[in-house]
PDB file of N, CA and C in Angstrom:
ATOM      1  N   MET A   1     100.418  89.830 103.244  1.00  0.00           N
ATOM      2  CA  MET A   1     100.854  90.280 103.131  1.00  0.00           C
ATOM      3  C   MET A   1     101.627  88.770 103.398  1.00  0.00           C
ATOM      4  N   ASN A   2     103.066  88.208 101.733  1.00  0.00           N
ATOM      5  CA  ASN A   2     104.355  87.512 102.443  1.00  0.00           C
ATOM      6  C   ASN A   2     104.856  87.828 103.494  1.00  0.00           C
ATOM      7  N   SER A   3     105.505  86.184 103.933  1.00  0.00           N
ATOM      8  CA  SER A   3     106.346  86.515 105.036  1.00  0.00           C
ATOM      9  C   SER A   3     107.711  87.373 104.954  1.00  0.00           C
ATOM     10  N   ILE A   4     107.573  86.932 103.889  1.00  0.00           N
ATOM     11  CA  ILE A   4     109.036  87.666 103.475  1.00  0.00           C
ATOM     12  C   ILE A   4     109.009  88.903 103.914  1.00  0.00           C
ATOM     13  N   LEU A   5     107.864  89.740 103.109  1.00  0.00           N
ATOM     14  CA  LEU A   5     108.132  90.999 102.803  1.00  0.00           C
ATOM     15  C   LEU A   5     107.902  92.261 104.331  1.00  0.00           C
ATOM     16  N   ASN A   6     106.992  90.653 105.193  1.00  0.00           N
ATOM     17  CA  ASN A   6     106.360  91.085 106.503  1.00  0.00           C
ATOM     18  C   ASN A   6     107.929  91.422 107.170  1.00  0.00           C
ATOM     19  N   GLN A   7     109.088  91.172 107.250  1.00  0.00           N
ATOM     20  CA  GLN A   7     110.334  90.828 107.923  1.00  0.00           C
ATOM     21  C   GLN A   7     110.473  92.379 107.531  1.00  0.00           C
ATOM     22  N   PHE A   8     110.238  93.029 106.652  1.00  0.00           N
ATOM     23  CA  PHE A   8     110.943  94.526 106.250  1.00  0.00           C
ATOM     24  C   PHE A   8     110.061  95.610 106.197  1.00  0.00           C
ATOM     25  N   VAL A   9     109.100  95.000 106.121  1.00  0.00           N
ATOM     26  CA  VAL A   9     107.420  96.476 105.662  1.00  0.00           C
ATOM     27  C   VAL A   9     106.313  95.821 106.973  1.00  0.00           C
ATOM     28  N   LYS A  10     106.425  96.716 107.079  1.00  0.00           N
ATOM     29  CA  LYS A  10     105.182  96.560 108.178  1.00  0.00           C
ATOM     30  C   LYS A  10     103.323  96.483 107.121  1.00  0.00           C
ATOM     31  N   TYR A  11     103.209  97.449 106.008  1.00  0.00           N
ATOM     32  CA  TYR A  11     102.164  97.259 105.319  1.00  0.00           C
ATOM     33  C   TYR A  11     101.951  98.448 104.170  1.00  0.00           C
ATOM     34  N   ILE A  12     101.266  97.527 103.136  1.00  0.00           N
ATOM     35  CA  ILE A  12     101.555  98.691 101.658  1.00  0.00           C
ATOM     36  C   ILE A  12      99.916  99.111 101.390  1.00  0.00           C
ATOM     37  N   GLU A  13      99.394 100.100 101.418  1.00  0.00           N
ATOM     38  CA  GLU A  13      98.382  99.689 101.301  1.00  0.00           C
ATOM     39  C   GLU A  13      97.766 101.436 100.521  1.00  0.00           C
ATOM     40  N   LEU A  14      96.272 102.063 100.766  1.00  0.00           N
ATOM     41  CA  LEU A  14      96.297 103.495  99.473  1.00  0.00           C
ATOM     42  C   LEU A  14      95.843 104.207 101.204  1.00  0.00           C
ATOM     43  N   ASP A  15      96.173 105.404 101.058  1.00  0.00           N
ATOM     44  CA  ASP A  15      95.508 106.498 101.782  1.00  0.00           C
ATOM     45  C   ASP A  15      94.132 106.356 101.403  1.00  0.00           C
ATOM     46  N   GLU A  16      93.793 108.192 101.793  1.00  0.00           N
ATOM     47  CA  GLU A  16      92.641 108.886 101.477  1.00  0.00           C
ATOM     48  C   GLU A  16      92.413 109.804 100.763  1.00  0.00           C
ATOM     49  N   GLU A  17      93.694 109.745 100.078  1.00  0.00           N
ATOM     50  CA  GLU A  17      94.307 110.611  99.333  1.00  0.00           C
ATOM     51  C   GLU A  17      94.783 109.783  98.184  1.00  0.00           C
ATOM     52  N   LYS A  18      94.327 108.817  98.000  1.00  0.00           N
ATOM     53  CA  LYS A  18      94.619 107.398  97.310  1.00  0.00           C
ATOM     54  C   LYS A  18      96.609 107.590  96.779  1.00  0.00           C
ATOM     55  N   ARG A  19      97.717 107.501  97.374  1.00  0.00           N
ATOM     56  CA  ARG A  19      98.726 107.524  97.497  1.00  0.00           C
ATOM     57  C   ARG A  19      98.992 106.054  98.556  1.00  0.00           C
ATOM     58  N   ILE A  20     100.546 105.437  97.212  1.00  0.00           N
ATOM     59  CA  ILE A  20     101.053 104.530  97.892  1.00  0.00           C
ATOM     60  C   ILE A  20     101.382 104.921  99.188  1.00  0.00           C
ATOM     61  N   LEU A  21     100.873 103.865 100.191  1.00  0.00           N
ATOM     62  CA  LEU A  21     101.483 104.012 101.390  1.00  0.00           C
ATOM     63  C   LEU A  21     102.670 102.991 101.808  1.00  0.00           C
ATOM     64  N   ILE A  22     104.073 102.875 102.020  1.00  0.00           N
ATOM     65  CA  ILE A  22     104.363 102.070 102.259  1.00  0.00           C
ATOM     66  C   ILE A  22     105.782 101.948 103.597  1.00  0.00           C
ATOM     67  N   SER A  23     105.032 101.989 104.857  1.00  0.00           N
ATOM     68  CA  SER A  23     105.320 101.054 105.962  1.00  0.00           C
ATOM     69  C   SER A  23     106.275 100.430 106.134  1.00  0.00           C
ATOM     70  N   LEU A  24     108.066 100.864 106.818  1.00  0.00           N
ATOM     71  CA  LEU A  24     108.889  99.593 106.845  1.00  0.00           C
ATOM     72  C   LEU A  24     108.893  99.738 108.346  1.00  0.00           C
ATOM     73  N   GLN A  25     109.783  98.721 108.350  1.00  0.00           N
ATOM     74  CA  GLN A  25     109.141  98.137 110.303  1.00  0.00           C
ATOM     75  C   GLN A  25     110.541  99.181 110.877  1.00  0.00           C
ATOM     76  N   ASN A  26     110.127  98.892 112.016  1.00  0.00           N
ATOM     77  CA  ASN A  26     110.881  99.845 112.506  1.00  0.00           C
ATOM     78  C   ASN A  26     112.383 100.441 112.789  1.00  0.00           C
ATOM     79  N   HIS A  27     112.934  98.763 112.840  1.00  0.00           N
ATOM     80  CA  HIS A  27     114.464  98.958 112.713  1.00  0.00           C
ATOM     81  C   HIS A  27     115.474  99.303 111.333  1.00  0.00           C
ATOM     82  N   PHE A  28     114.293  99.966 110.177  1.00  0.00           N
ATOM     83  CA  PHE A  28     114.518  99.996 109.030  1.00  0.00           C
ATOM     84  C   PHE A  28     114.362 102.193 108.741  1.00  0.00           C
ATOM     85  N   GLU A  29     113.889 102.765 109.854  1.00  0.00           N
ATOM     86  CA  GLU A  29     114.084 104.164 110.030  1.00  0.00           C
ATOM     87  C   GLU A  29     115.127 105.060 109.316  1.00  0.00           C
ATOM     88  N   SER A  30     116.161 104.725 110.122  1.00  0.00           N
ATOM     89  CA  SER A  30     117.947 105.213 109.527  1.00  0.00           C
ATOM     90  C   SER A  30     117.850 105.344 108.061  1.00  0.00           C
ATOM     91  N   TYR A  31     117.579 103.735 107.542  1.00  0.00           N
ATOM     92  CA  TYR A  31     118.154 104.130 106.116  1.00  0.00           C
ATOM     93  C   TYR A  31     117.395 105.140 105.402  1.00  0.00           C
ATOM     94  N   LEU A  32     115.407 105.335 105.543  1.00  0.00           N
ATOM     95  CA  LEU A  32     115.505 105.811 105.434  1.00  0.00           C
ATOM     96  C   LEU A  32     115.821 107.488 104.997  1.00  0.00           C
ATOM     97  N   GLN A  33     116.132 107.929 106.122  1.00  0.00           N
ATOM     98  CA  GLN A  33     117.287 109.051 106.089  1.00  0.00           C
ATOM     99  C   GLN A  33     118.211 109.478 105.640  1.00  0.00           C
ATOM    100  N   ASP A  34     119.414 108.753 104.951  1.00  0.00           N
ATOM    101  CA  ASP A  34     120.280 108.573 104.409  1.00  0.00           C
ATOM    102  C   ASP A  34     119.987 108.660 102.554  1.00  0.00           C
ATOM    103  N   LYS A  35     120.851 110.403 102.092  1.00  0.00           N
ATOM    104  CA  LYS A  35     120.388 111.098 100.931  1.00  0.00           C
ATOM    105  C   LYS A  35     120.234 110.151 100.076  1.00  0.00           C
ATOM    106  N   ASN A  36     121.224 109.055  99.556  1.00  0.00           N
ATOM    107  CA  ASN A  36     121.611 107.995  98.768  1.00  0.00           C
ATOM    108  C   ASN A  36     120.252 107.587  98.892  1.00  0.00           C
ATOM    109  N   THR A  37     120.255 106.489 100.222  1.00  0.00           N
ATOM    110  CA  THR A  37     118.845 105.380 100.196  1.00  0.00           C
ATOM    111  C   THR A  37     117.390 106.155  99.446  1.00  0.00           C
ATOM    112  N   LYS A  38     117.776 107.905 100.017  1.00  0.00           N
ATOM    113  CA  LYS A  38     116.131 108.995  99.313  1.00  0.00           C
ATOM    114  C   LYS A  38     116.158 108.641  97.668  1.00  0.00           C
ATOM    115  N   ALA A  39     117.185 108.891  96.594  1.00  0.00           N
ATOM    116  CA  ALA A  39     117.930 109.010  95.800  1.00  0.00           C
ATOM    117  C   ALA A  39     117.855 107.336  94.772  1.00  0.00           C
ATOM    118  N   MET A  40     117.614 106.761  95.692  1.00  0.00           N
ATOM    119  CA  MET A  40     117.582 105.169  94.840  1.00  0.00           C
ATOM    120  C   MET A  40     116.581 104.731  95.618  1.00  0.00           C
ATOM    121  N   ILE A  41     115.776 104.927  96.289  1.00  0.00           N
ATOM    122  CA  ILE A  41     114.131 104.610  96.220  1.00  0.00           C
ATOM    123  C   ILE A  41     112.852 105.693  94.995  1.00  0.00           C
ATOM    124  N   LYS A  42     113.262 106.712  94.871  1.00  0.00           N
ATOM    125  CA  LYS A  42     113.285 106.965  93.576  1.00  0.00           C
ATOM    126  C   LYS A  42     113.399 106.556  92.392  1.00  0.00           C
ATOM    127  N   GLU A  43     114.679 106.443  92.006  1.00  0.00           N
ATOM    128  CA  GLU A  43     114.585 105.914  91.388  1.00  0.00           C
ATOM    129  C   GLU A  43     113.940 104.535  90.832  1.00  0.00           C
ATOM    130  N   VAL A  44     114.337 104.183  91.734  1.00  0.00           N
ATOM    131  CA  VAL A  44     113.531 102.386  91.822  1.00  0.00           C
ATOM    132  C   VAL A  44     111.927 103.008  91.282  1.00  0.00           C
ATOM    133  N   CYS A  45     111.685 103.815  92.387  1.00  0.00           N
ATOM    134  CA  CYS A  45     110.110 104.226  92.272  1.00  0.00           C
ATOM    135  C   CYS A  45     109.818 104.435  90.325  1.00  0.00           C
ATOM    136  N   GLN A  46     110.370 105.564  89.633  1.00  0.00           N
ATOM    137  CA  GLN A  46     110.258 105.895  89.084  1.00  0.00           C
ATOM    138  C   GLN A  46     110.103 104.627  87.565  1.00  0.00           C
ATOM    139  N   SER A  47     111.176 104.090  88.091  1.00  0.00           N
ATOM    140  CA  SER A  47     111.903 102.902  87.337  1.00  0.00           C
ATOM    141  C   SER A  47     110.237 101.423  86.537  1.00  0.00           C
ATOM    142  N   ILE A  48     109.627 101.410  88.103  1.00  0.00           N
ATOM    143  CA  ILE A  48     108.336 100.401  88.095  1.00  0.00           C
ATOM    144  C   ILE A  48     107.108 101.148  87.834  1.00  0.00           C
ATOM    145  N   LEU A  49     107.054 102.145  87.701  1.00  0.00           N
ATOM    146  CA  LEU A  49     106.035 102.410  87.928  1.00  0.00           C
ATOM    147  C   LEU A  49     106.107 103.925  86.469  1.00  0.00           C
ATOM    148  N   LYS A  50     107.241 103.676  86.157  1.00  0.00           N
ATOM    149  CA  LYS A  50     107.240 104.821  84.556  1.00  0.00           C
ATOM    150  C   LYS A  50     106.315 105.594  84.681  1.00  0.00           C
ATOM    151  N   ASP A  51     105.734 105.653  83.771  1.00  0.00           N
ATOM    152  CA  ASP A  51     104.443 107.243  83.365  1.00  0.00           C
ATOM    153  C   ASP A  51     103.578 107.816  84.627  1.00  0.00           C
ATOM    154  N   ASP A  52     103.416 106.401  85.723  1.00  0.00           N
ATOM    155  CA  ASP A  52     102.047 106.152  86.202  1.00  0.00           C
ATOM    156  C   ASP A  52     102.901 107.588  88.042  1.00  0.00           C
ATOM    157  N   PHE A  53     104.137 107.214  88.184  1.00  0.00           N
ATOM    158  CA  PHE A  53     104.868 107.962  88.689  1.00  0.00           C
ATOM    159  C   PHE A  53     104.333 109.682  89.343  1.00  0.00           C
ATOM    160  N   VAL A  54     104.155 110.263  90.078  1.00  0.00           N
ATOM    161  CA  VAL A  54     104.148 111.384  90.344  1.00  0.00           C
ATOM    162  C   VAL A  54     105.358 112.493  90.876  1.00  0.00           C
ATOM    163  N   GLN A  55     104.771 111.672  92.148  1.00  0.00           N
ATOM    164  CA  GLN A  55     106.153 111.709  93.539  1.00  0.00           C
ATOM    165  C   GLN A  55     106.268 110.914  94.466  1.00  0.00           C
ATOM    166  N   LEU A  56     107.441 112.000  94.819  1.00  0.00           N
ATOM    167  CA  LEU A  56     107.829 110.469  96.481  1.00  0.00           C
ATOM    168  C   LEU A  56     108.447 111.153  97.824  1.00  0.00           C
ATOM    169  N   GLU A  57     107.370 111.157  98.850  1.00  0.00           N
ATOM    170  CA  GLU A  57     107.512 111.564  99.838  1.00  0.00           C
ATOM    171  C   GLU A  57     108.346 110.378 100.925  1.00  0.00           C
ATOM    172  N   ILE A  58     109.170 110.645 101.447  1.00  0.00           N
ATOM    173  CA  ILE A  58     109.826 110.034 102.754  1.00  0.00           C
ATOM    174  C   ILE A  58     109.949 110.445 104.153  1.00  0.00           C
ATOM    175  N   GLY A  59     108.829 109.693 104.365  1.00  0.00           N
ATOM    176  CA  GLY A  59     108.473 110.399 106.747  1.00  0.00           C
ATOM    177  C   GLY A  59     109.709 109.661 107.088  1.00  0.00           C
ATOM    178  N   LYS A  60     109.729 109.388 108.621  1.00  0.00           N
ATOM    179  CA  LYS A  60     110.220 108.565 109.662  1.00  0.00           C
ATOM    180  C   LYS A  60     110.533 107.474 109.267  1.00  0.00           C
ATOM    181  N   ASN A  61     109.951 106.417 108.935  1.00  0.00           N
ATOM    182  CA  ASN A  61     109.278 105.169 108.502  1.00  0.00           C
ATOM    183  C   ASN A  61     107.851 105.028 106.936  1.00  0.00           C
ATOM    184  N   ILE A  62     107.897 105.950 106.754  1.00  0.00           N
ATOM    185  CA  ILE A  62     107.233 105.468 105.739  1.00  0.00           C
ATOM    186  C   ILE A  62     107.486 106.684 104.334  1.00  0.00           C
ATOM    187  N   CYS A  63     107.054 105.629 102.804  1.00  0.00           N
ATOM    188  CA  CYS A  63     107.349 106.084 101.800  1.00  0.00           C
ATOM    189  C   CYS A  63     105.445 106.583 101.061  1.00  0.00           C
ATOM    190  N   ARG A  64     105.289 107.642 101.174  1.00  0.00           N
ATOM    191  CA  ARG A  64     104.728 108.319  99.702  1.00  0.00           C
ATOM    192  C   ARG A  64     104.356 108.276  98.714  1.00  0.00           C
ATOM    193  N   VAL A  65     103.863 107.268  97.788  1.00  0.00           N
ATOM    194  CA  VAL A  65     103.718 107.876  96.632  1.00  0.00           C
ATOM    195  C   VAL A  65     102.742 108.019  95.639  1.00  0.00           C
ATOM    196  N   THR A  66     102.833 108.759  95.128  1.00  0.00           N
ATOM    197  CA  THR A  66     101.837 109.483  94.105  1.00  0.00           C
ATOM    198  C   THR A  66     102.005 109.029  93.013  1.00  0.00           C
ATOM    199  N   VAL A  67     100.924 108.247  92.010  1.00  0.00           N
ATOM    200  CA  VAL A  67     100.505 107.942  90.899  1.00  0.00           C
ATOM    201  C   VAL A  67      99.476 108.353  90.215  1.00  0.00           C
ATOM    202  N   LYS A  68      99.496 108.567  88.743  1.00  0.00           N
ATOM    203  CA  LYS A  68      98.836 109.247  88.014  1.00  0.00           C
ATOM    204  C   LYS A  68      96.904 108.988  88.694  1.00  0.00           C
ATOM    205  N   GLU A  69      96.005 109.761  88.580  1.00  0.00           N
ATOM    206  CA  GLU A  69      94.577 109.304  88.745  1.00  0.00           C
ATOM    207  C   GLU A  69      94.402 107.914  88.006  1.00  0.00           C
ATOM    208  N   GLY A  70      94.027 107.524  88.913  1.00  0.00           N
ATOM    209  CA  GLY A  70      93.354 106.162  88.622  1.00  0.00           C
ATOM    210  C   GLY A  70      94.275 105.233  88.142  1.00  0.00           C
ATOM    211  N   THR A  71      95.003 105.117  88.445  1.00  0.00           N
ATOM    212  CA  THR A  71      95.923 103.736  88.251  1.00  0.00           C
ATOM    213  C   THR A  71      96.519 103.368  89.901  1.00  0.00           C
ATOM    214  N   GLU A  72      95.698 104.002  90.707  1.00  0.00           N
ATOM    215  CA  GLU A  72      96.658 103.469  92.168  1.00  0.00           C
ATOM    216  C   GLU A  72      96.336 102.327  92.792  1.00  0.00           C
ATOM    217  N   GLU A  73      94.833 101.858  92.139  1.00  0.00           N
ATOM    218  CA  GLU A  73      94.737 100.299  92.706  1.00  0.00           C
ATOM    219  C   GLU A  73      95.957  99.090  91.880  1.00  0.00           C
ATOM    220  N   LYS A  74      95.945  99.508  91.076  1.00  0.00           N
ATOM    221  CA  LYS A  74      97.422  99.088  89.270  1.00  0.00           C
ATOM    222  C   LYS A  74      98.907  98.341  90.033  1.00  0.00           C
ATOM    223  N   ASN A  75      98.863 100.113  90.130  1.00  0.00           N
ATOM    224  CA  ASN A  75     100.762 100.671  90.837  1.00  0.00           C
ATOM    225  C   ASN A  75     100.407 100.591  92.174  1.00  0.00           C
ATOM    226  N   VAL A  76      99.601  99.956  93.343  1.00  0.00           N
ATOM    227  CA  VAL A  76      99.773  99.438  94.859  1.00  0.00           C
ATOM    228  C   VAL A  76     100.919  98.290  94.233  1.00  0.00           C
ATOM    229  N   GLU A  77      99.874  96.781  93.541  1.00  0.00           N
ATOM    230  CA  GLU A  77      99.399  96.123  93.546  1.00  0.00           C
ATOM    231  C   GLU A  77     101.336  95.750  92.680  1.00  0.00           C
ATOM    232  N   ILE A  78     101.605  96.017  91.815  1.00  0.00           N
ATOM    233  CA  ILE A  78     103.227  96.505  91.491  1.00  0.00           C
ATOM    234  C   ILE A  78     103.674  96.692  92.167  1.00  0.00           C
ATOM    235  N   VAL A  79     104.094  97.794  93.580  1.00  0.00           N
ATOM    236  CA  VAL A  79     104.534  98.296  94.178  1.00  0.00           C
ATOM    237  C   VAL A  79     104.787  96.515  95.274  1.00  0.00           C
ATOM    238  N   LYS A  80     103.862  96.412  95.422  1.00  0.00           N
ATOM    239  CA  LYS A  80     103.679  94.600  96.611  1.00  0.00           C
ATOM    240  C   LYS A  80     104.465  93.974  96.101  1.00  0.00           C
ATOM    241  N   ASN A  81     104.150  93.560  94.542  1.00  0.00           N
ATOM    242  CA  ASN A  81     104.537  92.249  93.607  1.00  0.00           C
ATOM    243  C   ASN A  81     106.479  92.767  93.479  1.00  0.00           C
ATOM    244  N   GLU A  82     106.614  94.021  93.101  1.00  0.00           N
ATOM    245  CA  GLU A  82     108.411  93.961  92.635  1.00  0.00           C
ATOM    246  C   GLU A  82     109.017  94.155  94.395  1.00  0.00           C
ATOM    247  N   LEU A  83     108.661  94.183  95.065  1.00  0.00           N
ATOM    248  CA  LEU A  83     109.332  94.638  96.400  1.00  0.00           C
ATOM    249  C   LEU A  83     109.326  93.074  96.972  1.00  0.00           C
ATOM    250  N   LEU A  84     108.307  92.565  96.333  1.00  0.00           N
ATOM    251  CA  LEU A  84     108.406  90.347  97.207  1.00  0.00           C
ATOM    252  C   LEU A  84     109.304  90.096  96.475  1.00  0.00           C
ATOM    253  N   LYS A  85     110.008  90.455  95.466  1.00  0.00           N
ATOM    254  CA  LYS A  85     110.135  89.788  94.306  1.00  0.00           C
ATOM    255  C   LYS A  85     111.888  89.957  94.728  1.00  0.00           C
ATOM    256  N   ASN A  86     112.269  91.585  94.994  1.00  0.00           N
ATOM    257  CA  ASN A  86     113.715  91.828  95.054  1.00  0.00           C
ATOM    258  C   ASN A  86     113.950  91.550  96.697  1.00  0.00           C
ATOM    259  N   PHE A  87     113.319  91.687  97.755  1.00  0.00           N
ATOM    260  CA  PHE A  87     113.035  91.485  99.158  1.00  0.00           C
ATOM    261  C   PHE A  87     113.437  89.480  98.480  1.00  0.00           C
ATOM    262  N   GLN A  88     112.923  89.090  98.098  1.00  0.00           N
ATOM    263  CA  GLN A  88     112.673  87.288  97.838  1.00  0.00           C
ATOM    264  C   GLN A  88     114.988  87.233  96.962  1.00  0.00           C
ATOM    265  N   MET A  89     115.270  87.357  95.891  1.00  0.00           N
ATOM    266  CA  MET A  89     116.051  87.521  95.936  1.00  0.00           C
ATOM    267  C   MET A  89     117.449  87.825  96.336  1.00  0.00           C
ATOM    268  N   ALA A  90     117.303  89.133  97.489  1.00  0.00           N
ATOM    269  CA  ALA A  90     118.017  89.176  98.215  1.00  0.00           C
ATOM    270  C   ALA A  90     118.244  88.118  99.282  1.00  0.00           C
ATOM    271  N   MET A  91     117.063  88.065  99.627  1.00  0.00           N
ATOM    272  CA  MET A  91     117.387  86.577 100.554  1.00  0.00           C
ATOM    273  C   MET A  91     117.887  85.459 100.524  1.00  0.00           C
ATOM    274  N   SER A  92     117.606  85.053  98.674  1.00  0.00           N
ATOM    275  CA  SER A  92     118.067  83.772  98.110  1.00  0.00           C
ATOM    276  C   SER A  92     120.194  84.265  97.994  1.00  0.00           C
ATOM    277  N   PHE A  93     120.283  85.967  98.028  1.00  0.00           N
ATOM    278  CA  PHE A  93     121.587  86.132  97.912  1.00  0.00           C
ATOM    279  C   PHE A  93     122.556  85.472  98.941  1.00  0.00           C
ATOM    280  N   LEU A  94     121.929  86.489 100.325  1.00  0.00           N
ATOM    281  CA  LEU A  94     122.441  86.113 101.109  1.00  0.00           C
ATOM    282  C   LEU A  94     122.204  85.332 101.707  1.00  0.00           C
ATOM    283  N   SER A  95     121.847  83.860 101.349  1.00  0.00           N
ATOM    284  CA  SER A  95     121.814  82.666 102.261  1.00  0.00           C
ATOM    285  C   SER A  95     122.868  81.713 101.249  1.00  0.00           C
ATOM    286  N   GLN A  96     123.066  81.985  99.853  1.00  0.00           N
ATOM    287  CA  GLN A  96     123.924  82.213  99.386  1.00  0.00           C
ATOM    288  C   GLN A  96     124.938  82.334  99.292  1.00  0.00           C
ATOM    289  N   MET A  97     125.064  83.336 100.024  1.00  0.00           N
ATOM    290  CA  MET A  97     126.559  83.904 100.223  1.00  0.00           C
ATOM    291  C   MET A  97     127.134  83.406 102.062  1.00  0.00           C
ATOM    292  N   LYS A  98     126.108  83.103 102.800  1.00  0.00           N
ATOM    293  CA  LYS A  98     126.093  82.675 103.965  1.00  0.00           C
ATOM    294  C   LYS A  98     126.725  81.063 104.173  1.00  0.00           C
ATOM    295  N   ASN A  99     125.950  80.106 103.026  1.00  0.00           N
ATOM    296  CA  ASN A  99     126.672  79.300 102.588  1.00  0.00           C
ATOM    297  C   ASN A  99     128.035  78.894 102.147  1.00  0.00           C
ATOM    298  N   ASN A 100     128.439  79.976 100.911  1.00  0.00           N
ATOM    299  CA  ASN A 100     129.266  79.805 101.092  1.00  0.00           C
ATOM    300  C   ASN A 100     130.335  80.256 101.658  1.00  0.00           C
ATOM    301  N   LYS A 101     129.759  80.306 102.929  1.00  0.00           N
ATOM    302  CA  LYS A 101     131.183  80.895 104.310  1.00  0.00           C
ATOM    303  C   LYS A 101     131.490  79.579 105.022  1.00  0.00           C
ATOM    304  N   LYS A 102     131.170  78.569 104.403  1.00  0.00           N
ATOM    305  CA  LYS A 102     130.831  77.827 105.185  1.00  0.00           C
ATOM    306  C   LYS A 102     131.821  76.514 104.600  1.00  0.00           C
TER     307      LYS A 102
END
């Protein structure tokens, strides 16, 4: 996994039930318990996975995304790529904000 992604995510993989598991670093656990964050994560999953999205379950520091049967491998790559792209944009934005304050 990419080093930027590793700052936020422990792993992204399929479990034995072919659900996409996204395990966050421990210091992000509290964010997953917030109702607004949960709603936002669900909206993002539905947006990127479109008709393949079936269900989202959020645990202590893990998100389990169920997708339509037969689309699991394709969608785990989509999730990885989207997370990487969004974290890179966020890091770039934060870097620009930091430079603007100087």
